[in-house]
């Protein structure tokens, strides 16, 4: 069971499969990525076995409507360059929390903003969410700028909520509501739509 999310962008999203394991491991094996995501929860070194375990868990949670994760692929050639998704879905309150990372060689090229925009538009247009949240550590200025560019608002900082093994950092909360979202994309989906439509109906 798989599907794709795409628009007139340089990237598209596709549900994860075991075929993605090697590319995920290759791109994720970076200490800076682990540090930005949360080094106590994101393995480093990152190996193929970690990718397989993540894909298996993500697939199970998707079928339970708890989380939904996608590979970020280049529209030209289809190469996987990162992963993003909804780390938490709450259909009772119509909200979700997003997370994302890209392989280092794809940083500062605008791919992250395009991919995140696609994910947020999918959440509002297809999942019918009302609120989308993101949590960013205080040192991750690039991620904060990305969210602000998409119209997210900074809500608060959870003081010293993240421990990197030697130091505490604030965790900052950003959000955007459906009525305030200014960057909506015309998205298309391809794949197992009836399955998901049946399960995300309010």
C-alpha atoms as a PDB file:
ATOM      1  CA  UNK A   1       0.000   0.000   0.000  1.00  0.00           C
ATOM      2  CA  UNK A   2       1.654   3.202  -1.116  1.00  0.00           C
ATOM      3  CA  UNK A   3       0.935   6.584  -2.563  1.00  0.00           C
ATOM      4  CA  UNK A   4       2.643   9.749  -3.770  1.00  0.00           C
ATOM      5  CA  UNK A   5       2.052  13.441  -3.166  1.00  0.00           C
ATOM      6  CA  UNK A   6       3.247  15.876  -5.781  1.00  0.00           C
ATOM      7  CA  UNK A   7       2.801  19.290  -7.336  1.00  0.00           C
ATOM      8  CA  UNK A   8       4.674  21.462  -9.803  1.00  0.00           C
ATOM      9  CA  UNK A   9       7.813  21.329  -7.640  1.00  0.00           C
ATOM     10  CA  UNK A  10      11.330  19.942  -7.744  1.00  0.00           C
ATOM     11  CA  UNK A  11      10.389  17.307  -5.149  1.00  0.00           C
ATOM     12  CA  UNK A  12       7.596  14.862  -4.475  1.00  0.00           C
ATOM     13  CA  UNK A  13       6.711  12.704  -1.465  1.00  0.00           C
ATOM     14  CA  UNK A  14       6.220   8.946  -1.427  1.00  0.00           C
ATOM     15  CA  UNK A  15       5.338   6.545   1.365  1.00  0.00           C
ATOM     16  CA  UNK A  16       8.312   4.541   2.571  1.00  0.00           C
ATOM     17  CA  UNK A  17       9.286   1.045   1.489  1.00  0.00           C
ATOM     18  CA  UNK A  18      12.211  -1.280   2.230  1.00  0.00           C
ATOM     19  CA  UNK A  19      13.691  -0.229  -1.116  1.00  0.00           C
ATOM     20  CA  UNK A  20      14.405   3.161   0.478  1.00  0.00           C
ATOM     21  CA  UNK A  21      16.571   1.762   3.261  1.00  0.00           C
ATOM     22  CA  UNK A  22      19.959   2.253   1.597  1.00  0.00           C
ATOM     23  CA  UNK A  23      19.296   5.852   0.566  1.00  0.00           C
ATOM     24  CA  UNK A  24      17.869   6.719   3.979  1.00  0.00           C
ATOM     25  CA  UNK A  25      20.922   5.276   5.712  1.00  0.00           C
ATOM     26  CA  UNK A  26      23.283   7.066   3.337  1.00  0.00           C
ATOM     27  CA  UNK A  27      21.667  10.477   3.846  1.00  0.00           C
ATOM     28  CA  UNK A  28      20.923  10.117   7.567  1.00  0.00           C
ATOM     29  CA  UNK A  29      24.430   9.049   8.576  1.00  0.00           C
ATOM     30  CA  UNK A  30      25.465  12.532   9.656  1.00  0.00           C
ATOM     31  CA  UNK A  31      26.034  13.688  13.216  1.00  0.00           C
ATOM     32  CA  UNK A  32      24.668  17.171  12.508  1.00  0.00           C
ATOM     33  CA  UNK A  33      21.377  15.703  11.301  1.00  0.00           C
ATOM     34  CA  UNK A  34      21.162  13.554  14.415  1.00  0.00           C
ATOM     35  CA  UNK A  35      21.918  16.595  16.561  1.00  0.00           C
ATOM     36  CA  UNK A  36      19.228  18.703  14.858  1.00  0.00           C
ATOM     37  CA  UNK A  37      16.595  15.971  15.061  1.00  0.00           C
ATOM     38  CA  UNK A  38      17.506  14.846  18.593  1.00  0.00           C
ATOM     39  CA  UNK A  39      20.661  12.841  19.039  1.00  0.00           C
ATOM     40  CA  UNK A  40      19.296  10.729  21.874  1.00  0.00           C
ATOM     41  CA  UNK A  41      16.469   9.509  19.588  1.00  0.00           C
ATOM     42  CA  UNK A  42      18.166   9.565  16.163  1.00  0.00           C
ATOM     43  CA  UNK A  43      20.967   7.010  15.742  1.00  0.00           C
ATOM     44  CA  UNK A  44      24.528   7.965  14.829  1.00  0.00           C
ATOM     45  CA  UNK A  45      26.208   6.261  13.103  1.00  0.00           C
ATOM     46  CA  UNK A  46      23.056   5.550  11.110  1.00  0.00           C
ATOM     47  CA  UNK A  47      23.093   2.133   9.406  1.00  0.00           C
ATOM     48  CA  UNK A  48      20.811   0.202   7.078  1.00  0.00           C
ATOM     49  CA  UNK A  49      19.362  -1.729  10.005  1.00  0.00           C
ATOM     50  CA  UNK A  50      18.236   1.528  11.607  1.00  0.00           C
ATOM     51  CA  UNK A  51      16.510   2.522   8.374  1.00  0.00           C
ATOM     52  CA  UNK A  52      14.717  -0.822   8.102  1.00  0.00           C
ATOM     53  CA  UNK A  53      13.512  -0.564  11.709  1.00  0.00           C
ATOM     54  CA  UNK A  54      12.274   2.984  11.100  1.00  0.00           C
ATOM     55  CA  UNK A  55      10.436   2.004   7.902  1.00  0.00           C
ATOM     56  CA  UNK A  56       8.770  -0.948   9.649  1.00  0.00           C
ATOM     57  CA  UNK A  57       7.648   1.196  12.580  1.00  0.00           C
ATOM     58  CA  UNK A  58       6.491   4.050  10.353  1.00  0.00           C
ATOM     59  CA  UNK A  59       4.408   1.676   8.228  1.00  0.00           C
ATOM     60  CA  UNK A  60       2.717   0.171  11.269  1.00  0.00           C
ATOM     61  CA  UNK A  61       1.902   3.607  12.702  1.00  0.00           C
ATOM     62  CA  UNK A  62       0.551   4.782   9.355  1.00  0.00           C
ATOM     63  CA  UNK A  63      -1.942   1.914   9.256  1.00  0.00           C
ATOM     64  CA  UNK A  64      -3.034   2.858  12.780  1.00  0.00           C
ATOM     65  CA  UNK A  65      -3.446   6.512  11.706  1.00  0.00           C
ATOM     66  CA  UNK A  66      -0.962   7.607  14.388  1.00  0.00           C
ATOM     67  CA  UNK A  67       1.828   8.886  12.151  1.00  0.00           C
ATOM     68  CA  UNK A  68       2.509   9.290   8.443  1.00  0.00           C
ATOM     69  CA  UNK A  69       6.030   9.443   7.014  1.00  0.00           C
ATOM     70  CA  UNK A  70       7.300   9.977   3.481  1.00  0.00           C
ATOM     71  CA  UNK A  71      10.510   9.875   1.547  1.00  0.00           C
ATOM     72  CA  UNK A  72      11.401  13.193  -0.083  1.00  0.00           C
ATOM     73  CA  UNK A  73      12.349  12.518  -3.705  1.00  0.00           C
ATOM     74  CA  UNK A  74      13.746  14.662  -6.475  1.00  0.00           C
ATOM     75  CA  UNK A  75      11.171  15.014  -9.233  1.00  0.00           C
ATOM     76  CA  UNK A  76      13.946  14.595 -11.765  1.00  0.00           C
ATOM     77  CA  UNK A  77      15.298  11.076 -11.377  1.00  0.00           C
ATOM     78  CA  UNK A  78      13.387  10.102  -8.246  1.00  0.00           C
ATOM     79  CA  UNK A  79      16.355  10.008  -5.859  1.00  0.00           C
ATOM     80  CA  UNK A  80      15.453   9.995  -2.154  1.00  0.00           C
ATOM     81  CA  UNK A  81      17.064  12.980  -0.432  1.00  0.00           C
ATOM     82  CA  UNK A  82      15.416  12.984   2.984  1.00  0.00           C
ATOM     83  CA  UNK A  83      12.418  12.037   5.100  1.00  0.00           C
ATOM     84  CA  UNK A  84       9.530  14.022   6.543  1.00  0.00           C
ATOM     85  CA  UNK A  85       6.116  13.400   7.915  1.00  0.00           C
ATOM     86  CA  UNK A  86       3.589  13.730  10.682  1.00  0.00           C
ATOM     87  CA  UNK A  87       5.155  12.490  13.918  1.00  0.00           C
ATOM     88  CA  UNK A  88       1.832  12.775  15.649  1.00  0.00           C
ATOM     89  CA  UNK A  89      -1.698  12.800  14.229  1.00  0.00           C
ATOM     90  CA  UNK A  90      -4.769  13.627  16.301  1.00  0.00           C
ATOM     91  CA  UNK A  91      -7.861  13.410  14.117  1.00  0.00           C
ATOM     92  CA  UNK A  92     -10.202  14.039  17.052  1.00  0.00           C
ATOM     93  CA  UNK A  93      -8.728  17.533  17.422  1.00  0.00           C
ATOM     94  CA  UNK A  94      -7.734  17.794  13.746  1.00  0.00           C
ATOM     95  CA  UNK A  95      -4.074  18.524  14.376  1.00  0.00           C
ATOM     96  CA  UNK A  96      -0.684  17.084  13.552  1.00  0.00           C
ATOM     97  CA  UNK A  97       2.991  17.654  14.279  1.00  0.00           C
ATOM     98  CA  UNK A  98       5.523  17.634  11.442  1.00  0.00           C
ATOM     99  CA  UNK A  99       9.201  16.765  11.352  1.00  0.00           C
ATOM    100  CA  UNK A 100      11.743  16.638   8.539  1.00  0.00           C
ATOM    101  CA  UNK A 101      15.386  16.199   7.598  1.00  0.00           C
ATOM    102  CA  UNK A 102      17.430  16.327   4.389  1.00  0.00           C
ATOM    103  CA  UNK A 103      20.773  14.820   3.464  1.00  0.00           C
ATOM    104  CA  UNK A 104      23.590  17.347   3.845  1.00  0.00           C
ATOM    105  CA  UNK A 105      24.303  17.708   0.124  1.00  0.00           C
ATOM    106  CA  UNK A 106      20.740  18.996  -0.380  1.00  0.00           C
ATOM    107  CA  UNK A 107      20.858  21.729   2.261  1.00  0.00           C
ATOM    108  CA  UNK A 108      20.423  25.406   1.339  1.00  0.00           C
ATOM    109  CA  UNK A 109      18.905  24.675  -2.062  1.00  0.00           C
ATOM    110  CA  UNK A 110      15.251  25.261  -1.240  1.00  0.00           C
ATOM    111  CA  UNK A 111      14.287  21.573  -1.288  1.00  0.00           C
ATOM    112  CA  UNK A 112      13.342  21.588   2.383  1.00  0.00           C
ATOM    113  CA  UNK A 113      10.908  24.452   2.004  1.00  0.00           C
ATOM    114  CA  UNK A 114       9.274  22.832  -1.039  1.00  0.00           C
ATOM    115  CA  UNK A 115       8.957  19.467   0.703  1.00  0.00           C
ATOM    116  CA  UNK A 116       7.587  20.974   3.916  1.00  0.00           C
ATOM    117  CA  UNK A 117       5.131  23.087   1.937  1.00  0.00           C
ATOM    118  CA  UNK A 118       3.905  19.995   0.161  1.00  0.00           C
ATOM    119  CA  UNK A 119       3.463  18.169   3.470  1.00  0.00           C
ATOM    120  CA  UNK A 120       1.567  21.049   5.080  1.00  0.00           C
ATOM    121  CA  UNK A 121      -0.712  21.506   2.077  1.00  0.00           C
ATOM    122  CA  UNK A 122      -1.412  17.769   2.144  1.00  0.00           C
ATOM    123  CA  UNK A 123      -2.310  18.032   5.815  1.00  0.00           C
ATOM    124  CA  UNK A 124      -4.785  20.844   5.289  1.00  0.00           C
ATOM    125  CA  UNK A 125      -6.207  19.838   1.898  1.00  0.00           C
ATOM    126  CA  UNK A 126      -6.344  16.061   2.224  1.00  0.00           C
ATOM    127  CA  UNK A 127      -6.144  15.145   5.927  1.00  0.00           C
ATOM    128  CA  UNK A 128      -8.455  18.091   6.741  1.00  0.00           C
ATOM    129  CA  UNK A 129      -6.341  19.214   9.686  1.00  0.00           C
ATOM    130  CA  UNK A 130      -7.073  22.485  11.453  1.00  0.00           C
ATOM    131  CA  UNK A 131      -3.703  23.003  13.142  1.00  0.00           C
ATOM    132  CA  UNK A 132      -0.175  21.897  12.259  1.00  0.00           C
ATOM    133  CA  UNK A 133       2.680  22.152  14.743  1.00  0.00           C
ATOM    134  CA  UNK A 134       6.457  21.849  14.577  1.00  0.00           C
ATOM    135  CA  UNK A 135       9.074  21.641  17.324  1.00  0.00           C
ATOM    136  CA  UNK A 136      12.544  23.041  16.700  1.00  0.00           C
ATOM    137  CA  UNK A 137      15.558  23.270  18.979  1.00  0.00           C
ATOM    138  CA  UNK A 138      16.761  26.804  19.689  1.00  0.00           C
ATOM    139  CA  UNK A 139      20.043  26.423  17.781  1.00  0.00           C
ATOM    140  CA  UNK A 140      18.388  25.293  14.509  1.00  0.00           C
ATOM    141  CA  UNK A 141      18.033  28.689  12.838  1.00  0.00           C
ATOM    142  CA  UNK A 142      17.596  27.188   9.342  1.00  0.00           C
ATOM    143  CA  UNK A 143      14.570  25.172  10.402  1.00  0.00           C
ATOM    144  CA  UNK A 144      13.008  28.146  12.185  1.00  0.00           C
ATOM    145  CA  UNK A 145      13.470  30.296   9.072  1.00  0.00           C
ATOM    146  CA  UNK A 146      11.884  27.586   6.915  1.00  0.00           C
ATOM    147  CA  UNK A 147       8.787  27.441   9.120  1.00  0.00           C
ATOM    148  CA  UNK A 148       8.437  31.207   9.224  1.00  0.00           C
ATOM    149  CA  UNK A 149       8.708  31.341   5.429  1.00  0.00           C
ATOM    150  CA  UNK A 150       5.764  28.932   5.237  1.00  0.00           C
ATOM    151  CA  UNK A 151       3.659  31.137   7.514  1.00  0.00           C
ATOM    152  CA  UNK A 152       4.149  29.353  10.833  1.00  0.00           C
ATOM    153  CA  UNK A 153       4.029  31.491  13.980  1.00  0.00           C
ATOM    154  CA  UNK A 154       6.324  31.110  16.957  1.00  0.00           C
ATOM    155  CA  UNK A 155       4.200  30.263  19.982  1.00  0.00           C
ATOM    156  CA  UNK A 156       6.536  29.580  22.887  1.00  0.00           C
ATOM    157  CA  UNK A 157       9.789  28.060  24.051  1.00  0.00           C
ATOM    158  CA  UNK A 158       9.885  25.044  26.331  1.00  0.00           C
ATOM    159  CA  UNK A 159      12.857  25.863  28.516  1.00  0.00           C
ATOM    160  CA  UNK A 160      15.713  23.357  28.501  1.00  0.00           C
ATOM    161  CA  UNK A 161      13.487  20.573  27.161  1.00  0.00           C
ATOM    162  CA  UNK A 162      16.232  18.911  25.083  1.00  0.00           C
ATOM    163  CA  UNK A 163      19.438  17.407  26.453  1.00  0.00           C
ATOM    164  CA  UNK A 164      22.121  16.709  23.844  1.00  0.00           C
ATOM    165  CA  UNK A 165      24.255  14.617  26.140  1.00  0.00           C
ATOM    166  CA  UNK A 166      26.184  17.534  27.615  1.00  0.00           C
ATOM    167  CA  UNK A 167      23.958  20.623  27.479  1.00  0.00           C
ATOM    168  CA  UNK A 168      20.283  21.584  27.717  1.00  0.00           C
ATOM    169  CA  UNK A 169      18.516  23.504  24.940  1.00  0.00           C
ATOM    170  CA  UNK A 170      15.131  25.184  24.611  1.00  0.00           C
ATOM    171  CA  UNK A 171      12.569  23.529  22.355  1.00  0.00           C
ATOM    172  CA  UNK A 172      10.561  26.088  20.392  1.00  0.00           C
ATOM    173  CA  UNK A 173       6.984  25.523  19.266  1.00  0.00           C
ATOM    174  CA  UNK A 174       5.682  26.815  15.922  1.00  0.00           C
ATOM    175  CA  UNK A 175       2.194  26.409  14.480  1.00  0.00           C
ATOM    176  CA  UNK A 176      -0.058  27.366  11.613  1.00  0.00           C
ATOM    177  CA  UNK A 177      -3.840  27.149  11.327  1.00  0.00           C
ATOM    178  CA  UNK A 178      -5.734  26.278   8.182  1.00  0.00           C
ATOM    179  CA  UNK A 179      -7.356  29.726   7.934  1.00  0.00           C
ATOM    180  CA  UNK A 180      -3.988  31.475   8.284  1.00  0.00           C
ATOM    181  CA  UNK A 181      -1.978  29.369   5.854  1.00  0.00           C
ATOM    182  CA  UNK A 182      -0.851  31.548   2.945  1.00  0.00           C
ATOM    183  CA  UNK A 183       1.258  29.068   0.975  1.00  0.00           C
ATOM    184  CA  UNK A 184      -1.285  26.468  -0.098  1.00  0.00           C
ATOM    185  CA  UNK A 185      -0.209  24.378  -3.056  1.00  0.00           C
ATOM    186  CA  UNK A 186      -2.303  22.640  -5.656  1.00  0.00           C
ATOM    187  CA  UNK A 187      -1.423  19.061  -4.827  1.00  0.00           C
ATOM    188  CA  UNK A 188      -2.081  15.760  -6.533  1.00  0.00           C
ATOM    189  CA  UNK A 189      -2.058  12.304  -4.996  1.00  0.00           C
ATOM    190  CA  UNK A 190      -1.470   8.974  -6.623  1.00  0.00           C
ATOM    191  CA  UNK A 191      -1.960   5.544  -5.106  1.00  0.00           C
ATOM    192  CA  UNK A 192      -4.025   4.050  -2.297  1.00  0.00           C
ATOM    193  CA  UNK A 193      -6.429   6.944  -1.813  1.00  0.00           C
ATOM    194  CA  UNK A 194      -9.622   4.996  -0.921  1.00  0.00           C
ATOM    195  CA  UNK A 195      -7.855   3.339   2.024  1.00  0.00           C
ATOM    196  CA  UNK A 196      -6.748   6.619   3.555  1.00  0.00           C
ATOM    197  CA  UNK A 197      -9.897   8.550   2.711  1.00  0.00           C
ATOM    198  CA  UNK A 198     -11.894   5.957   4.619  1.00  0.00           C
ATOM    199  CA  UNK A 199      -9.754   6.382   7.726  1.00  0.00           C
ATOM    200  CA  UNK A 200      -9.191  10.124   7.905  1.00  0.00           C
ATOM    201  CA  UNK A 201     -12.817  11.120   7.478  1.00  0.00           C
ATOM    202  CA  UNK A 202     -13.732  13.447  10.390  1.00  0.00           C
END
